Amino acid sequence: MLPLSILGWILIGGLAGWAASKLMKRADSMGLLLNIVVGVIGGLVGGFLLAWIGVNVDEGGWIFSFLTCLGGACILLWLMSLINTKQSS
């Protein structure tokens, strides 16, 4: 299976970031660029965590990459909400 190109990461990251913002109820505060950034960083976080527990992330394909980005983006948004909550207190 071929690795994803930069454009593939941007597309999958954008979709995953958007879906994560909807799931985590953050859609009102995020725009297109932030959705892409959260999705791509979420892909890095998700890929790192899956590799850390022994999952082969290299041969997953587009759907697996999307789910990895989505999971990582949700974790990232959750951590951001914890930081924002602590700063508000």
PDB file of N, CA and C in Angstrom:
ATOM      1  N   MET A   1       0.833  -1.168   0.000  1.00  0.00           N
ATOM      2  CA  MET A   1       0.000   0.000   0.000  1.00  0.00           C
ATOM      3  C   MET A   1       0.885   1.242   0.000  1.00  0.00           C
ATOM      4  N   LEU A   2       0.530   2.221  -0.797  1.00  0.00           N
ATOM      5  CA  LEU A   2       1.309   3.442  -0.899  1.00  0.00           C
ATOM      6  C   LEU A   2       1.034   4.361   0.280  1.00  0.00           C
ATOM      7  N   PRO A   3       2.057   5.037   0.768  1.00  0.00           N
ATOM      8  CA  PRO A   3       1.828   5.996   1.848  1.00  0.00           C
ATOM      9  C   PRO A   3       1.045   7.204   1.326  1.00  0.00           C
ATOM     10  N   LEU A   4       0.407   7.909   2.228  1.00  0.00           N
ATOM     11  CA  LEU A   4      -0.372   9.072   1.841  1.00  0.00           C
ATOM     12  C   LEU A   4       0.548  10.232   1.465  1.00  0.00           C
ATOM     13  N   SER A   5       0.116  10.999   0.489  1.00  0.00           N
ATOM     14  CA  SER A   5       0.853  12.198   0.107  1.00  0.00           C
ATOM     15  C   SER A   5       0.494  13.336   1.059  1.00  0.00           C
ATOM     16  N   ILE A   6       1.156  14.451   0.879  1.00  0.00           N
ATOM     17  CA  ILE A   6       0.850  15.638   1.699  1.00  0.00           C
ATOM     18  C   ILE A   6      -0.604  16.042   1.483  1.00  0.00           C
ATOM     19  N   LEU A   7      -1.063  16.016   0.252  1.00  0.00           N
ATOM     20  CA  LEU A   7      -2.453  16.369  -0.054  1.00  0.00           C
ATOM     21  C   LEU A   7      -3.417  15.395   0.624  1.00  0.00           C
ATOM     22  N   GLY A   8      -3.063  14.122   0.640  1.00  0.00           N
ATOM     23  CA  GLY A   8      -3.883  13.118   1.317  1.00  0.00           C
ATOM     24  C   GLY A   8      -3.993  13.390   2.797  1.00  0.00           C
ATOM     25  N   TRP A   9      -2.864  13.763   3.431  1.00  0.00           N
ATOM     26  CA  TRP A   9      -2.886  14.086   4.860  1.00  0.00           C
ATOM     27  C   TRP A   9      -3.735  15.315   5.133  1.00  0.00           C
ATOM     28  N   ILE A  10      -3.668  16.311   4.234  1.00  0.00           N
ATOM     29  CA  ILE A  10      -4.466  17.526   4.421  1.00  0.00           C
ATOM     30  C   ILE A  10      -5.952  17.207   4.284  1.00  0.00           C
ATOM     31  N   LEU A  11      -6.312  16.410   3.269  1.00  0.00           N
ATOM     32  CA  LEU A  11      -7.724  16.051   3.074  1.00  0.00           C
ATOM     33  C   LEU A  11      -8.258  15.209   4.233  1.00  0.00           C
ATOM     34  N   ILE A  12      -7.539  14.163   4.571  1.00  0.00           N
ATOM     35  CA  ILE A  12      -7.980  13.297   5.663  1.00  0.00           C
ATOM     36  C   ILE A  12      -7.951  14.057   6.989  1.00  0.00           C
ATOM     37  N   GLY A  13      -6.898  14.853   7.203  1.00  0.00           N
ATOM     38  CA  GLY A  13      -6.803  15.640   8.424  1.00  0.00           C
ATOM     39  C   GLY A  13      -7.932  16.647   8.547  1.00  0.00           C
ATOM     40  N   GLY A  14      -8.270  17.303   7.433  1.00  0.00           N
ATOM     41  CA  GLY A  14      -9.369  18.263   7.457  1.00  0.00           C
ATOM     42  C   GLY A  14     -10.700  17.612   7.773  1.00  0.00           C
ATOM     43  N   LEU A  15     -10.965  16.481   7.134  1.00  0.00           N
ATOM     44  CA  LEU A  15     -12.219  15.758   7.412  1.00  0.00           C
ATOM     45  C   LEU A  15     -12.256  15.235   8.842  1.00  0.00           C
ATOM     46  N   ALA A  16     -11.145  14.686   9.294  1.00  0.00           N
ATOM     47  CA  ALA A  16     -11.097  14.153  10.656  1.00  0.00           C
ATOM     48  C   ALA A  16     -11.193  15.277  11.686  1.00  0.00           C
ATOM     49  N   GLY A  17     -10.527  16.395  11.432  1.00  0.00           N
ATOM     50  CA  GLY A  17     -10.611  17.538  12.345  1.00  0.00           C
ATOM     51  C   GLY A  17     -12.022  18.093  12.417  1.00  0.00           C
ATOM     52  N   TRP A  18     -12.689  18.166  11.271  1.00  0.00           N
ATOM     53  CA  TRP A  18     -14.074  18.647  11.244  1.00  0.00           C
ATOM     54  C   TRP A  18     -14.986  17.693  12.008  1.00  0.00           C
ATOM     55  N   ALA A  19     -14.848  16.374  11.742  1.00  0.00           N
ATOM     56  CA  ALA A  19     -15.682  15.379  12.419  1.00  0.00           C
ATOM     57  C   ALA A  19     -15.417  15.389  13.925  1.00  0.00           C
ATOM     58  N   ALA A  20     -14.145  15.526  14.317  1.00  0.00           N
ATOM     59  CA  ALA A  20     -13.813  15.565  15.745  1.00  0.00           C
ATOM     60  C   ALA A  20     -14.392  16.811  16.400  1.00  0.00           C
ATOM     61  N   SER A  21     -14.365  17.947  15.698  1.00  0.00           N
ATOM     62  CA  SER A  21     -14.937  19.167  16.277  1.00  0.00           C
ATOM     63  C   SER A  21     -16.446  19.028  16.465  1.00  0.00           C
ATOM     64  N   LYS A  22     -17.103  18.291  15.569  1.00  0.00           N
ATOM     65  CA  LYS A  22     -18.540  18.027  15.739  1.00  0.00           C
ATOM     66  C   LYS A  22     -18.776  17.084  16.918  1.00  0.00           C
ATOM     67  N   LEU A  23     -17.988  16.015  16.996  1.00  0.00           N
ATOM     68  CA  LEU A  23     -18.147  15.036  18.083  1.00  0.00           C
ATOM     69  C   LEU A  23     -17.860  15.650  19.450  1.00  0.00           C
ATOM     70  N   MET A  24     -16.874  16.529  19.501  1.00  0.00           N
ATOM     71  CA  MET A  24     -16.468  17.129  20.771  1.00  0.00           C
ATOM     72  C   MET A  24     -17.177  18.457  21.033  1.00  0.00           C
ATOM     73  N   LYS A  25     -18.151  18.780  20.186  1.00  0.00           N
ATOM     74  CA  LYS A  25     -18.956  20.006  20.318  1.00  0.00           C
ATOM     75  C   LYS A  25     -18.102  21.274  20.351  1.00  0.00           C
ATOM     76  N   ARG A  26     -17.137  21.341  19.435  1.00  0.00           N
ATOM     77  CA  ARG A  26     -16.258  22.506  19.309  1.00  0.00           C
ATOM     78  C   ARG A  26     -16.383  23.148  17.939  1.00  0.00           C
ATOM     79  N   ALA A  27     -17.379  22.762  17.157  1.00  0.00           N
ATOM     80  CA  ALA A  27     -17.486  23.185  15.760  1.00  0.00           C
ATOM     81  C   ALA A  27     -17.658  24.689  15.614  1.00  0.00           C
ATOM     82  N   ASP A  28     -18.278  25.350  16.583  1.00  0.00           N
ATOM     83  CA  ASP A  28     -18.518  26.782  16.475  1.00  0.00           C
ATOM     84  C   ASP A  28     -17.244  27.601  16.577  1.00  0.00           C
ATOM     85  N   SER A  29     -16.248  27.073  17.277  1.00  0.00           N
ATOM     86  CA  SER A  29     -15.038  27.846  17.515  1.00  0.00           C
ATOM     87  C   SER A  29     -13.895  27.506  16.568  1.00  0.00           C
ATOM     88  N   MET A  30     -14.125  26.619  15.602  1.00  0.00           N
ATOM     89  CA  MET A  30     -13.047  26.179  14.724  1.00  0.00           C
ATOM     90  C   MET A  30     -13.379  26.485  13.267  1.00  0.00           C
ATOM     91  N   GLY A  31     -12.385  26.934  12.537  1.00  0.00           N
ATOM     92  CA  GLY A  31     -12.537  27.163  11.114  1.00  0.00           C
ATOM     93  C   GLY A  31     -11.852  26.064  10.312  1.00  0.00           C
ATOM     94  N   LEU A  32     -11.815  26.231   9.011  1.00  0.00           N
ATOM     95  CA  LEU A  32     -11.250  25.223   8.116  1.00  0.00           C
ATOM     96  C   LEU A  32      -9.781  24.957   8.423  1.00  0.00           C
ATOM     97  N   LEU A  33      -8.990  26.011   8.549  1.00  0.00           N
ATOM     98  CA  LEU A  33      -7.557  25.833   8.793  1.00  0.00           C
ATOM     99  C   LEU A  33      -7.298  25.126  10.119  1.00  0.00           C
ATOM    100  N   LEU A  34      -8.011  25.506  11.155  1.00  0.00           N
ATOM    101  CA  LEU A  34      -7.829  24.860  12.453  1.00  0.00           C
ATOM    102  C   LEU A  34      -8.298  23.405  12.423  1.00  0.00           C
ATOM    103  N   ASN A  35      -9.362  23.106  11.664  1.00  0.00           N
ATOM    104  CA  ASN A  35      -9.784  21.716  11.500  1.00  0.00           C
ATOM    105  C   ASN A  35      -8.682  20.884  10.865  1.00  0.00           C
ATOM    106  N   ILE A  36      -8.030  21.418   9.838  1.00  0.00           N
ATOM    107  CA  ILE A  36      -6.941  20.693   9.175  1.00  0.00           C
ATOM    108  C   ILE A  36      -5.785  20.479  10.135  1.00  0.00           C
ATOM    109  N   VAL A  37      -5.406  21.532  10.851  1.00  0.00           N
ATOM    110  CA  VAL A  37      -4.283  21.433  11.794  1.00  0.00           C
ATOM    111  C   VAL A  37      -4.585  20.412  12.888  1.00  0.00           C
ATOM    112  N   VAL A  38      -5.777  20.484  13.463  1.00  0.00           N
ATOM    113  CA  VAL A  38      -6.153  19.541  14.526  1.00  0.00           C
ATOM    114  C   VAL A  38      -6.186  18.112  13.979  1.00  0.00           C
ATOM    115  N   GLY A  39      -6.699  17.928  12.766  1.00  0.00           N
ATOM    116  CA  GLY A  39      -6.756  16.593  12.178  1.00  0.00           C
ATOM    117  C   GLY A  39      -5.387  16.014  11.883  1.00  0.00           C
ATOM    118  N   VAL A  40      -4.478  16.828  11.336  1.00  0.00           N
ATOM    119  CA  VAL A  40      -3.128  16.343  11.023  1.00  0.00           C
ATOM    120  C   VAL A  40      -2.350  16.053  12.303  1.00  0.00           C
ATOM    121  N   ILE A  41      -2.417  16.963  13.267  1.00  0.00           N
ATOM    122  CA  ILE A  41      -1.747  16.710  14.556  1.00  0.00           C
ATOM    123  C   ILE A  41      -2.401  15.516  15.250  1.00  0.00           C
ATOM    124  N   GLY A  42      -3.717  15.412  15.123  1.00  0.00           N
ATOM    125  CA  GLY A  42      -4.416  14.246  15.669  1.00  0.00           C
ATOM    126  C   GLY A  42      -3.950  12.949  15.028  1.00  0.00           C
ATOM    127  N   GLY A  43      -3.645  13.001  13.729  1.00  0.00           N
ATOM    128  CA  GLY A  43      -3.096  11.824  13.051  1.00  0.00           C
ATOM    129  C   GLY A  43      -1.748  11.425  13.614  1.00  0.00           C
ATOM    130  N   LEU A  44      -0.932  12.417  13.918  1.00  0.00           N
ATOM    131  CA  LEU A  44       0.374  12.131  14.534  1.00  0.00           C
ATOM    132  C   LEU A  44       0.202  11.537  15.928  1.00  0.00           C
ATOM    133  N   VAL A  45      -0.702  12.135  16.709  1.00  0.00           N
ATOM    134  CA  VAL A  45      -0.964  11.635  18.064  1.00  0.00           C
ATOM    135  C   VAL A  45      -1.530  10.211  18.000  1.00  0.00           C
ATOM    136  N   GLY A  46      -2.556  10.028  17.164  1.00  0.00           N
ATOM    137  CA  GLY A  46      -3.176   8.701  17.036  1.00  0.00           C
ATOM    138  C   GLY A  46      -2.205   7.656  16.511  1.00  0.00           C
ATOM    139  N   GLY A  47      -1.406   8.026  15.516  1.00  0.00           N
ATOM    140  CA  GLY A  47      -0.417   7.099  14.967  1.00  0.00           C
ATOM    141  C   GLY A  47       0.631   6.719  15.992  1.00  0.00           C
ATOM    142  N   PHE A  48       1.076   7.695  16.776  1.00  0.00           N
ATOM    143  CA  PHE A  48       2.052   7.418  17.816  1.00  0.00           C
ATOM    144  C   PHE A  48       1.478   6.476  18.870  1.00  0.00           C
ATOM    145  N   LEU A  49       0.252   6.761  19.314  1.00  0.00           N
ATOM    146  CA  LEU A  49      -0.363   5.918  20.348  1.00  0.00           C
ATOM    147  C   LEU A  49      -0.616   4.500  19.842  1.00  0.00           C
ATOM    148  N   LEU A  50      -1.091   4.373  18.606  1.00  0.00           N
ATOM    149  CA  LEU A  50      -1.331   3.027  18.065  1.00  0.00           C
ATOM    150  C   LEU A  50      -0.026   2.258  17.881  1.00  0.00           C
ATOM    151  N   ALA A  51       1.017   2.933  17.398  1.00  0.00           N
ATOM    152  CA  ALA A  51       2.313   2.268  17.247  1.00  0.00           C
ATOM    153  C   ALA A  51       2.878   1.883  18.610  1.00  0.00           C
ATOM    154  N   TRP A  52       2.631   2.724  19.616  1.00  0.00           N
ATOM    155  CA  TRP A  52       3.125   2.463  20.965  1.00  0.00           C
ATOM    156  C   TRP A  52       2.510   1.202  21.557  1.00  0.00           C
ATOM    157  N   ILE A  53       1.226   0.926  21.231  1.00  0.00           N
ATOM    158  CA  ILE A  53       0.595  -0.291  21.762  1.00  0.00           C
ATOM    159  C   ILE A  53       0.768  -1.484  20.825  1.00  0.00           C
ATOM    160  N   GLY A  54       1.497  -1.293  19.723  1.00  0.00           N
ATOM    161  CA  GLY A  54       1.852  -2.413  18.861  1.00  0.00           C
ATOM    162  C   GLY A  54       1.008  -2.598  17.614  1.00  0.00           C
ATOM    163  N   VAL A  55       0.193  -1.621  17.244  1.00  0.00           N
ATOM    164  CA  VAL A  55      -0.631  -1.721  16.035  1.00  0.00           C
ATOM    165  C   VAL A  55       0.195  -1.267  14.847  1.00  0.00           C
ATOM    166  N   ASN A  56       0.183  -2.045  13.755  1.00  0.00           N
ATOM    167  CA  ASN A  56       0.900  -1.684  12.533  1.00  0.00           C
ATOM    168  C   ASN A  56       0.100  -0.609  11.800  1.00  0.00           C
ATOM    169  N   VAL A  57       0.563   0.628  11.888  1.00  0.00           N
ATOM    170  CA  VAL A  57      -0.172   1.743  11.296  1.00  0.00           C
ATOM    171  C   VAL A  57       0.229   2.012   9.855  1.00  0.00           C
ATOM    172  N   ASP A  58       1.256   1.362   9.358  1.00  0.00           N
ATOM    173  CA  ASP A  58       1.745   1.627   8.007  1.00  0.00           C
ATOM    174  C   ASP A  58       0.873   1.035   6.905  1.00  0.00           C
ATOM    175  N   GLU A  59       0.142  -0.012   7.195  1.00  0.00           N
ATOM    176  CA  GLU A  59      -0.610  -0.707   6.155  1.00  0.00           C
ATOM    177  C   GLU A  59      -2.118  -0.577   6.319  1.00  0.00           C
ATOM    178  N   GLY A  60      -2.557   0.496   6.936  1.00  0.00           N
ATOM    179  CA  GLY A  60      -3.968   0.646   7.247  1.00  0.00           C
ATOM    180  C   GLY A  60      -4.846   1.134   6.117  1.00  0.00           C
ATOM    181  N   GLY A  61      -4.335   1.968   5.233  1.00  0.00           N
ATOM    182  CA  GLY A  61      -5.147   2.525   4.155  1.00  0.00           C
ATOM    183  C   GLY A  61      -5.859   3.801   4.568  1.00  0.00           C
ATOM    184  N   TRP A  62      -6.692   4.306   3.670  1.00  0.00           N
ATOM    185  CA  TRP A  62      -7.370   5.583   3.852  1.00  0.00           C
ATOM    186  C   TRP A  62      -8.344   5.571   5.030  1.00  0.00           C
ATOM    187  N   ILE A  63      -9.145   4.534   5.154  1.00  0.00           N
ATOM    188  CA  ILE A  63     -10.152   4.494   6.220  1.00  0.00           C
ATOM    189  C   ILE A  63      -9.474   4.391   7.576  1.00  0.00           C
ATOM    190  N   PHE A  64      -8.476   3.544   7.687  1.00  0.00           N
ATOM    191  CA  PHE A  64      -7.735   3.413   8.942  1.00  0.00           C
ATOM    192  C   PHE A  64      -7.044   4.729   9.285  1.00  0.00           C
ATOM    193  N   SER A  65      -6.481   5.404   8.280  1.00  0.00           N
ATOM    194  CA  SER A  65      -5.837   6.696   8.507  1.00  0.00           C
ATOM    195  C   SER A  65      -6.845   7.723   8.998  1.00  0.00           C
ATOM    196  N   PHE A  66      -8.040   7.729   8.411  1.00  0.00           N
ATOM    197  CA  PHE A  66      -9.079   8.651   8.850  1.00  0.00           C
ATOM    198  C   PHE A  66      -9.461   8.383  10.299  1.00  0.00           C
ATOM    199  N   LEU A  67      -9.671   7.118  10.639  1.00  0.00           N
ATOM    200  CA  LEU A  67     -10.049   6.774  12.009  1.00  0.00           C
ATOM    201  C   LEU A  67      -8.938   7.096  13.003  1.00  0.00           C
ATOM    202  N   THR A  68      -7.683   6.904  12.580  1.00  0.00           N
ATOM    203  CA  THR A  68      -6.552   7.262  13.426  1.00  0.00           C
ATOM    204  C   THR A  68      -6.522   8.768  13.667  1.00  0.00           C
ATOM    205  N   CYS A  69      -6.691   9.547  12.589  1.00  0.00           N
ATOM    206  CA  CYS A  69      -6.721  11.013  12.712  1.00  0.00           C
ATOM    207  C   CYS A  69      -7.906  11.456  13.565  1.00  0.00           C
ATOM    208  N   LEU A  70      -9.054  10.839  13.372  1.00  0.00           N
ATOM    209  CA  LEU A  70     -10.249  11.196  14.129  1.00  0.00           C
ATOM    210  C   LEU A  70     -10.043  10.937  15.622  1.00  0.00           C
ATOM    211  N   GLY A  71      -9.542   9.768  15.954  1.00  0.00           N
ATOM    212  CA  GLY A  71      -9.294   9.441  17.357  1.00  0.00           C
ATOM    213  C   GLY A  71      -8.263  10.369  17.982  1.00  0.00           C
ATOM    214  N   GLY A  72      -7.182  10.612  17.267  1.00  0.00           N
ATOM    215  CA  GLY A  72      -6.152  11.511  17.774  1.00  0.00           C
ATOM    216  C   GLY A  72      -6.653  12.941  17.912  1.00  0.00           C
ATOM    217  N   ALA A  73      -7.478  13.390  16.961  1.00  0.00           N
ATOM    218  CA  ALA A  73      -8.037  14.741  17.024  1.00  0.00           C
ATOM    219  C   ALA A  73      -8.993  14.877  18.205  1.00  0.00           C
ATOM    220  N   CYS A  74      -9.778  13.856  18.479  1.00  0.00           N
ATOM    221  CA  CYS A  74     -10.670  13.888  19.644  1.00  0.00           C
ATOM    222  C   CYS A  74      -9.870  13.955  20.933  1.00  0.00           C
ATOM    223  N   ILE A  75      -8.795  13.189  21.014  1.00  0.00           N
ATOM    224  CA  ILE A  75      -7.921  13.240  22.188  1.00  0.00           C
ATOM    225  C   ILE A  75      -7.316  14.630  22.326  1.00  0.00           C
ATOM    226  N   LEU A  76      -6.849  15.196  21.216  1.00  0.00           N
ATOM    227  CA  LEU A  76      -6.254  16.525  21.238  1.00  0.00           C
ATOM    228  C   LEU A  76      -7.262  17.584  21.677  1.00  0.00           C
ATOM    229  N   LEU A  77      -8.479  17.541  21.148  1.00  0.00           N
ATOM    230  CA  LEU A  77      -9.503  18.513  21.542  1.00  0.00           C
ATOM    231  C   LEU A  77      -9.900  18.338  23.006  1.00  0.00           C
ATOM    232  N   TRP A  78      -9.933  17.110  23.474  1.00  0.00           N
ATOM    233  CA  TRP A  78     -10.243  16.851  24.884  1.00  0.00           C
ATOM    234  C   TRP A  78      -9.156  17.451  25.784  1.00  0.00           C
ATOM    235  N   LEU A  79      -7.887  17.237  25.403  1.00  0.00           N
ATOM    236  CA  LEU A  79      -6.783  17.813  26.183  1.00  0.00           C
ATOM    237  C   LEU A  79      -6.830  19.335  26.155  1.00  0.00           C
ATOM    238  N   MET A  80      -7.172  19.914  24.994  1.00  0.00           N
ATOM    239  CA  MET A  80      -7.281  21.374  24.890  1.00  0.00           C
ATOM    240  C   MET A  80      -8.398  21.894  25.785  1.00  0.00           C
ATOM    241  N   SER A  81      -9.504  21.150  25.883  1.00  0.00           N
ATOM    242  CA  SER A  81     -10.599  21.594  26.742  1.00  0.00           C
ATOM    243  C   SER A  81     -10.203  21.516  28.212  1.00  0.00           C
ATOM    244  N   LEU A  82      -9.392  20.523  28.587  1.00  0.00           N
ATOM    245  CA  LEU A  82      -8.896  20.445  29.969  1.00  0.00           C
ATOM    246  C   LEU A  82      -8.004  21.633  30.302  1.00  0.00           C
ATOM    247  N   ILE A  83      -7.154  22.003  29.376  1.00  0.00           N
ATOM    248  CA  ILE A  83      -6.255  23.144  29.590  1.00  0.00           C
ATOM    249  C   ILE A  83      -7.064  24.431  29.680  1.00  0.00           C
ATOM    250  N   ASN A  84      -8.040  24.609  28.808  1.00  0.00           N
ATOM    251  CA  ASN A  84      -8.878  25.808  28.840  1.00  0.00           C
ATOM    252  C   ASN A  84      -9.690  25.894  30.123  1.00  0.00           C
ATOM    253  N   THR A  85     -10.165  24.749  30.617  1.00  0.00           N
ATOM    254  CA  THR A  85     -10.942  24.725  31.857  1.00  0.00           C
ATOM    255  C   THR A  85     -10.074  25.132  33.035  1.00  0.00           C
ATOM    256  N   LYS A  86      -8.827  24.639  33.069  1.00  0.00           N
ATOM    257  CA  LYS A  86      -7.926  24.975  34.168  1.00  0.00           C
ATOM    258  C   LYS A  86      -7.532  26.454  34.126  1.00  0.00           C
ATOM    259  N   GLN A  87      -7.398  27.024  32.924  1.00  0.00           N
ATOM    260  CA  GLN A  87      -7.044  28.432  32.806  1.00  0.00           C
ATOM    261  C   GLN A  87      -8.198  29.333  33.204  1.00  0.00           C
ATOM    262  N   SER A  88      -9.427  28.869  33.006  1.00  0.00           N
ATOM    263  CA  SER A  88     -10.610  29.656  33.352  1.00  0.00           C
ATOM    264  C   SER A  88     -10.835  29.730  34.848  1.00  0.00           C
ATOM    265  N   SER A  89     -10.353  28.737  35.568  1.00  0.00           N
ATOM    266  CA  SER A  89     -10.569  28.671  37.020  1.00  0.00           C
ATOM    267  C   SER A  89      -9.717  29.637  37.779  1.00  0.00           C
TER     268      SER A  89
END
